[in-house]
Structures are given as structure tokens and as C-alpha cells.
């Protein structure tokens, strides 16, 4: 697991302007895991007509995992390997 310090971006109806920025810390194994957690936490919606998500994120920093961790919760949650 990595600790991702991110800024969540909420877009307007048309997806061309950021209307809100929210700092957030996420524990996830991959960028895909971060994206899934952000979408779930903010109940992000996909606009199939305009082809964009209502929320996205940008990276502030990422911390390396602690070496020698035996915590079973550190296993991949989503099965991704990216």
C-alpha cells in the first residue's frame, strides 16, 4: 500500500471548469485504486454524452510503503496490477 496525498477535483456540468478542490489522503496500491476510491467516496458520475467523470484527482505526493509490513490489510483490494 502507498499513501497518496491528492487533491480531488469536482467539475461543472460541462466538464470544462473545476468548481471545487478537496485535499484527501488515500491508501491504495495503484493509481487505479486511488481513482476507484475517489469515485466511490464522492459518488462520481460519468457523463456518457460529454464523455467525462464529474470528479477527478491530481497527485500532491505519494509515500513509499513501510518495509516489512505484515499487515494483511495491505494486500491489493481491487486485484489490479498496474
N, C-alpha and C. Protein backbone atom coordinates (compact mmCIF):
# COMPACT_ATOMS: atom_id res chain seq x y z
N UNK A 1 0.83 -1.19 0.00
CA UNK A 1 0.00 0.00 0.00
C UNK A 1 0.87 1.25 0.00
N UNK A 2 0.40 2.24 -0.67
CA UNK A 2 1.04 3.56 -0.68
C UNK A 2 0.07 4.56 -0.10
N UNK A 3 0.60 5.62 0.50
CA UNK A 3 -0.24 6.73 0.96
C UNK A 3 -0.15 7.82 -0.09
N UNK A 4 -1.29 8.11 -0.70
CA UNK A 4 -1.38 9.10 -1.77
C UNK A 4 -1.99 10.37 -1.19
N UNK A 5 -1.27 11.48 -1.27
CA UNK A 5 -1.82 12.79 -0.91
C UNK A 5 -2.27 13.41 -2.22
N UNK A 6 -3.57 13.65 -2.33
CA UNK A 6 -4.13 14.10 -3.60
C UNK A 6 -5.04 15.30 -3.39
N UNK A 7 -5.43 15.91 -4.48
CA UNK A 7 -6.46 16.94 -4.48
C UNK A 7 -7.57 16.45 -5.41
N UNK A 8 -8.76 16.30 -4.85
CA UNK A 8 -9.90 15.85 -5.64
C UNK A 8 -10.50 17.06 -6.35
N UNK A 9 -10.78 16.90 -7.63
CA UNK A 9 -11.32 17.98 -8.45
C UNK A 9 -12.75 17.65 -8.83
N UNK A 10 -13.66 18.58 -8.55
CA UNK A 10 -15.06 18.41 -8.97
C UNK A 10 -15.30 19.36 -10.14
N UNK A 11 -15.82 18.80 -11.24
CA UNK A 11 -16.03 19.59 -12.45
C UNK A 11 -17.47 20.07 -12.57
N UNK A 12 -17.66 21.13 -13.33
CA UNK A 12 -19.01 21.64 -13.56
C UNK A 12 -19.78 20.71 -14.51
N UNK A 13 -21.00 21.07 -14.82
CA UNK A 13 -21.88 20.24 -15.66
C UNK A 13 -21.27 19.90 -17.01
N UNK A 14 -20.47 20.81 -17.55
CA UNK A 14 -19.90 20.61 -18.88
C UNK A 14 -18.49 20.02 -18.85
N UNK A 15 -17.91 19.88 -17.67
CA UNK A 15 -16.60 19.29 -17.53
C UNK A 15 -15.45 20.17 -17.96
N UNK A 16 -15.71 21.47 -18.16
CA UNK A 16 -14.65 22.35 -18.62
C UNK A 16 -14.09 23.27 -17.55
N UNK A 17 -14.66 23.24 -16.34
CA UNK A 17 -14.17 24.08 -15.25
C UNK A 17 -14.21 23.30 -13.93
N UNK A 18 -13.19 23.55 -13.11
CA UNK A 18 -13.15 22.96 -11.78
C UNK A 18 -13.96 23.86 -10.86
N UNK A 19 -14.95 23.28 -10.17
CA UNK A 19 -15.79 24.08 -9.28
C UNK A 19 -15.42 23.90 -7.81
N UNK A 20 -14.66 22.82 -7.49
CA UNK A 20 -14.27 22.60 -6.10
C UNK A 20 -13.02 21.74 -6.06
N UNK A 21 -12.13 22.06 -5.11
CA UNK A 21 -10.91 21.29 -4.87
C UNK A 21 -10.92 20.83 -3.42
N UNK A 22 -10.69 19.54 -3.20
CA UNK A 22 -10.72 18.98 -1.85
C UNK A 22 -9.46 18.15 -1.61
N UNK A 23 -8.63 18.52 -0.62
CA UNK A 23 -7.47 17.69 -0.31
C UNK A 23 -7.91 16.38 0.32
N UNK A 24 -7.17 15.30 0.04
CA UNK A 24 -7.55 13.99 0.54
C UNK A 24 -6.31 13.09 0.62
N UNK A 25 -6.32 12.19 1.59
CA UNK A 25 -5.27 11.19 1.73
C UNK A 25 -5.90 9.83 1.51
N UNK A 26 -5.28 9.00 0.65
CA UNK A 26 -5.84 7.70 0.29
C UNK A 26 -4.77 6.62 0.43
N UNK A 27 -5.15 5.48 0.99
CA UNK A 27 -4.29 4.30 1.00
C UNK A 27 -4.72 3.40 -0.15
N UNK A 28 -3.82 3.17 -1.09
CA UNK A 28 -4.15 2.34 -2.24
C UNK A 28 -2.87 1.79 -2.85
N UNK A 29 -2.96 0.63 -3.52
CA UNK A 29 -1.76 0.03 -4.12
C UNK A 29 -1.34 0.65 -5.45
N UNK A 30 -2.31 1.25 -6.18
CA UNK A 30 -2.03 1.76 -7.52
C UNK A 30 -2.83 3.03 -7.79
N UNK A 31 -2.51 3.70 -8.92
CA UNK A 31 -3.30 4.87 -9.33
C UNK A 31 -4.74 4.47 -9.61
N UNK A 32 -4.93 3.29 -10.17
CA UNK A 32 -6.28 2.81 -10.44
C UNK A 32 -7.06 2.67 -9.14
N UNK A 33 -6.40 2.17 -8.11
CA UNK A 33 -7.04 2.04 -6.81
C UNK A 33 -7.45 3.39 -6.23
N UNK A 34 -6.60 4.40 -6.42
CA UNK A 34 -6.92 5.76 -5.96
C UNK A 34 -8.15 6.26 -6.70
N UNK A 35 -8.17 6.10 -8.02
CA UNK A 35 -9.29 6.57 -8.83
C UNK A 35 -10.60 5.92 -8.39
N UNK A 36 -10.57 4.61 -8.15
CA UNK A 36 -11.78 3.90 -7.72
C UNK A 36 -12.27 4.41 -6.36
N UNK A 37 -11.34 4.66 -5.44
CA UNK A 37 -11.73 5.14 -4.11
C UNK A 37 -12.28 6.56 -4.17
N UNK A 38 -11.68 7.40 -5.00
CA UNK A 38 -12.18 8.78 -5.15
C UNK A 38 -13.59 8.76 -5.74
N UNK A 39 -13.79 8.00 -6.78
CA UNK A 39 -15.11 7.94 -7.42
C UNK A 39 -16.17 7.43 -6.45
N UNK A 40 -15.82 6.44 -5.63
CA UNK A 40 -16.77 5.89 -4.66
C UNK A 40 -17.04 6.90 -3.54
N UNK A 41 -16.00 7.53 -3.02
CA UNK A 41 -16.15 8.47 -1.90
C UNK A 41 -16.98 9.69 -2.27
N UNK A 42 -16.83 10.16 -3.51
CA UNK A 42 -17.53 11.37 -3.94
C UNK A 42 -18.75 11.06 -4.81
N UNK A 43 -19.10 9.79 -4.92
CA UNK A 43 -20.23 9.36 -5.74
C UNK A 43 -20.17 10.00 -7.14
N UNK A 44 -18.99 9.87 -7.75
CA UNK A 44 -18.76 10.46 -9.07
C UNK A 44 -19.68 9.84 -10.11
N UNK A 45 -20.09 10.66 -11.04
CA UNK A 45 -20.97 10.23 -12.14
C UNK A 45 -20.24 10.39 -13.46
N UNK A 46 -20.51 9.46 -14.38
CA UNK A 46 -19.93 9.54 -15.71
C UNK A 46 -20.98 10.11 -16.66
N UNK A 47 -20.59 11.12 -17.42
CA UNK A 47 -21.48 11.72 -18.42
C UNK A 47 -21.16 11.07 -19.76
N UNK A 48 -22.00 10.14 -20.17
CA UNK A 48 -21.77 9.40 -21.41
C UNK A 48 -21.88 10.26 -22.65
N UNK A 49 -22.67 11.32 -22.59
CA UNK A 49 -22.83 12.21 -23.74
C UNK A 49 -21.58 13.06 -23.93
N UNK A 50 -21.08 13.65 -22.84
CA UNK A 50 -19.92 14.54 -22.92
C UNK A 50 -18.60 13.80 -22.68
N UNK A 51 -18.68 12.54 -22.27
CA UNK A 51 -17.51 11.67 -22.08
C UNK A 51 -16.54 12.18 -21.02
N UNK A 52 -17.02 12.43 -19.80
CA UNK A 52 -16.13 12.80 -18.70
C UNK A 52 -16.75 12.40 -17.37
N UNK A 53 -15.89 12.25 -16.35
CA UNK A 53 -16.32 11.96 -14.99
C UNK A 53 -16.53 13.28 -14.25
N UNK A 54 -17.48 13.30 -13.31
CA UNK A 54 -17.77 14.51 -12.54
C UNK A 54 -16.64 14.87 -11.58
N UNK A 55 -15.81 13.88 -11.23
CA UNK A 55 -14.70 14.11 -10.31
C UNK A 55 -13.43 13.46 -10.86
N UNK A 56 -12.31 14.09 -10.59
CA UNK A 56 -11.00 13.55 -10.92
C UNK A 56 -10.06 13.86 -9.78
N UNK A 57 -8.78 13.61 -9.97
CA UNK A 57 -7.82 13.94 -8.92
C UNK A 57 -6.46 14.25 -9.51
N UNK A 58 -5.67 14.97 -8.71
CA UNK A 58 -4.31 15.29 -9.09
C UNK A 58 -3.40 14.95 -7.91
N UNK A 59 -2.22 14.46 -8.21
CA UNK A 59 -1.29 13.99 -7.20
C UNK A 59 -0.54 15.15 -6.55
N UNK A 60 -0.47 15.13 -5.23
CA UNK A 60 0.37 16.07 -4.49
C UNK A 60 1.67 15.35 -4.11
N UNK A 61 1.52 14.17 -3.47
CA UNK A 61 2.70 13.36 -3.12
C UNK A 61 2.27 11.92 -2.87
N UNK A 62 3.25 11.03 -2.90
CA UNK A 62 2.99 9.63 -2.59
C UNK A 62 4.12 9.14 -1.70
N UNK A 63 3.77 8.37 -0.66
CA UNK A 63 4.76 7.84 0.28
C UNK A 63 5.00 6.37 -0.02
N UNK A 64 6.25 5.96 0.10
CA UNK A 64 6.61 4.57 -0.10
C UNK A 64 5.97 3.72 0.99
N UNK A 65 5.67 2.46 0.67
CA UNK A 65 5.11 1.58 1.70
C UNK A 65 6.17 1.26 2.75
N UNK A 66 5.74 0.96 3.95
CA UNK A 66 6.67 0.60 5.01
C UNK A 66 7.23 -0.79 4.72
N UNK A 67 8.53 -0.96 4.80
CA UNK A 67 9.14 -2.26 4.53
C UNK A 67 8.89 -3.21 5.69
N UNK A 68 8.71 -4.48 5.35
CA UNK A 68 8.50 -5.49 6.37
C UNK A 68 7.11 -5.50 6.97
N UNK A 69 6.18 -4.84 6.35
CA UNK A 69 4.82 -4.80 6.88
C UNK A 69 4.17 -6.18 6.73
N UNK A 70 3.57 -6.64 7.81
CA UNK A 70 2.87 -7.92 7.77
C UNK A 70 1.38 -7.73 7.92
N UNK A 71 0.94 -6.51 7.72
CA UNK A 71 -0.48 -6.19 7.85
C UNK A 71 -1.25 -6.77 6.67
N UNK A 72 -2.21 -7.70 6.93
CA UNK A 72 -2.95 -8.30 5.81
C UNK A 72 -3.83 -7.30 5.08
N UNK A 73 -4.14 -6.18 5.69
CA UNK A 73 -4.97 -5.19 5.01
C UNK A 73 -4.18 -4.47 3.91
N UNK A 74 -2.88 -4.71 3.85
CA UNK A 74 -2.04 -4.07 2.83
C UNK A 74 -2.11 -4.79 1.50
N UNK A 75 -2.83 -5.91 1.41
CA UNK A 75 -2.98 -6.64 0.15
C UNK A 75 -3.79 -5.84 -0.83
N UNK A 76 -3.64 -6.16 -2.11
CA UNK A 76 -4.40 -5.48 -3.16
C UNK A 76 -5.89 -5.71 -2.93
N UNK A 77 -6.65 -4.63 -2.91
CA UNK A 77 -8.08 -4.73 -2.70
C UNK A 77 -8.83 -4.98 -3.99
N UNK A 78 -8.33 -4.41 -5.08
CA UNK A 78 -9.08 -4.48 -6.33
C UNK A 78 -8.50 -5.48 -7.33
N UNK A 79 -7.42 -6.14 -6.96
CA UNK A 79 -6.84 -7.13 -7.85
C UNK A 79 -6.09 -6.55 -9.03
N UNK A 80 -5.92 -5.22 -9.05
CA UNK A 80 -5.23 -4.61 -10.19
C UNK A 80 -3.73 -4.80 -10.06
N UNK A 81 -3.05 -4.74 -11.17
CA UNK A 81 -1.60 -4.91 -11.17
C UNK A 81 -0.94 -3.87 -12.05
N UNK A 82 -1.41 -2.61 -11.97
CA UNK A 82 -0.81 -1.59 -12.82
C UNK A 82 0.29 -0.86 -12.15
